[in-house]
Protein backbone atom coordinates (compact mmCIF):
# COMPACT_ATOMS: atom_id res chain seq x y z
CA MET A 1 5.31 111.70 92.25
CA HIS A 2 6.08 108.64 91.29
CA ARG A 3 9.55 110.04 89.41
CA PHE A 4 10.83 111.50 92.71
CA GLY A 5 10.55 108.15 94.01
CA GLN A 6 12.88 107.29 91.51
CA ILE A 7 15.10 109.58 91.60
CA CYS A 8 15.70 109.02 95.11
CA GLY A 9 15.92 105.00 95.01
CA ALA A 10 18.43 105.66 92.62
CA LEU A 11 20.61 108.46 94.61
CA SER A 12 20.26 105.84 97.55
CA GLY A 13 21.52 103.09 95.87
CA ALA A 14 24.10 105.26 94.37
CA ALA A 15 24.52 106.49 98.07
CA PHE A 16 24.61 102.58 99.69
CA SER A 17 27.50 101.85 96.56
CA LEU A 18 29.94 104.50 97.33
CA MET A 19 29.55 104.41 100.49
CA LEU A 20 30.69 99.92 99.80
CA ALA A 21 33.49 101.11 98.00
CA CYS A 22 34.92 103.06 100.11
CA CYS A 23 34.82 100.70 103.13
CA ALA A 24 36.28 97.96 100.46
CA ALA A 25 38.80 100.71 99.49
CA TYR A 26 41.96 99.32 101.63
CA ALA A 27 42.23 95.84 102.97
CA GLY A 28 45.41 96.50 104.55
CA GLN A 29 48.60 94.31 103.75
CA THR A 30 50.87 92.10 106.12
CA HIS A 31 54.04 93.05 106.64
CA GLN A 32 57.08 90.89 107.25
CA VAL A 33 59.93 92.82 110.62
CA ILE A 34 62.56 89.32 110.26
CA ILE A 35 64.71 89.55 113.77
CA GLN A 36 67.88 88.35 113.13
CA LYS A 37 71.21 88.75 114.34
CA PHE A 38 70.00 90.56 117.76
CA GLU A 39 68.04 93.53 115.09
CA PHE A 40 64.41 93.94 113.97
CA VAL A 41 64.81 94.13 110.13
CA PRO A 42 63.50 96.51 109.18
CA ALA A 43 64.32 98.55 112.06
CA ASN A 44 62.15 101.80 110.57
CA LEU A 45 58.84 100.57 108.77
CA THR A 46 56.32 102.86 107.03
CA ILE A 47 52.68 101.12 107.08
CA LYS A 48 49.45 102.57 106.43
CA ARG A 49 46.41 102.34 108.98
CA GLY A 50 44.70 98.26 108.85
CA ASP A 51 47.89 96.79 107.71
CA THR A 52 49.49 93.83 109.89
CA VAL A 53 53.18 93.31 111.14
CA GLU A 54 53.97 89.94 110.88
CA PHE A 55 57.51 89.74 113.68
CA VAL A 56 59.30 86.57 113.01
CA ASN A 57 62.36 85.42 115.21
CA LYS A 58 64.85 84.12 112.58
CA ASP A 59 67.91 84.20 115.65
CA ILE A 60 68.64 81.41 118.52
CA ALA A 61 67.98 83.27 121.58
CA PRO A 62 63.90 84.53 122.12
CA HIS A 63 62.89 88.01 121.55
CA THR A 64 59.75 89.79 122.35
CA ALA A 65 58.79 93.08 120.56
CA SER A 66 56.91 95.24 123.12
CA GLU A 67 55.13 98.87 122.24
CA GLU A 68 57.66 101.10 124.42
CA SER A 69 55.64 103.70 126.04
CA ASP A 70 52.95 102.25 127.89
CA PHE A 71 53.13 97.88 126.54
CA LEU A 72 50.39 99.41 124.18
CA TRP A 73 51.15 95.99 122.14
CA ASP A 74 53.49 93.44 122.64
CA THR A 75 54.51 89.92 121.34
CA GLY A 76 54.74 87.61 123.97
CA GLU A 77 57.96 85.43 123.62
CA LEU A 78 58.85 84.45 120.43
CA VAL A 79 61.30 81.17 119.66
CA ARG A 80 63.11 80.20 117.04
CA ASN A 81 61.13 79.99 113.95
CA GLN A 82 58.45 81.17 116.02
CA SER A 83 55.61 84.37 114.50
CA ALA A 84 53.18 86.63 116.19
CA ARG A 85 50.99 88.98 114.16
CA ILE A 86 50.01 92.60 115.05
CA GLU A 87 47.19 94.94 113.41
CA PHE A 88 47.96 99.31 113.22
CA THR A 89 44.36 100.19 113.87
CA LYS A 90 46.04 103.63 114.66
CA ALA A 91 47.94 106.55 112.58
CA GLY A 92 51.23 107.82 114.69
CA THR A 93 54.76 106.73 115.41
CA SER A 94 54.83 103.27 117.09
CA LYS A 95 58.94 102.50 119.13
CA TYR A 96 58.88 98.88 120.24
CA PHE A 97 62.06 97.10 121.72
CA CYS A 98 62.50 93.69 122.54
CA VAL A 99 61.98 93.41 126.41
CA PHE A 100 65.38 90.44 126.53
CA HIS A 101 67.83 92.42 125.02
CA PRO A 102 66.14 96.36 125.58
CA HIS A 103 69.36 97.41 123.10
CA MET A 104 67.15 95.97 120.68
CA LYS A 105 65.00 98.43 119.00
CA ALA A 106 63.14 99.50 116.24
CA GLU A 107 59.85 101.94 114.96
CA ILE A 108 57.23 101.64 112.87
CA ILE A 109 55.40 104.79 111.30
CA VAL A 110 51.63 104.04 110.85
CA THR A 111 49.84 106.80 108.64
CA ALA A 112 46.37 107.01 107.91
CA ASN A 113 44.80 105.79 104.50
């Protein structure tokens, strides 16, 4: 019976270590979208779930990056040299635009890890 307890203890420890490794395997990256000349650069960005996108306004005019369909996320107004970060926690395609300049459009594709 003592041997059985040792095996169970070893397996429990291994399972716990594996669980920690899986959880820590992807910490997420930060990507930048630059707003300049009334464009989002890059206009198409592919990231992983858990990544963060930093939107940086380099234009003289104020801009936003606002999710198109249901306003699920929004940077708020960004003036020159101001930035905002959005973390993407769900896989899918997120189309966005500038509230002040609706012709400015782009998309972020979020893949599963």
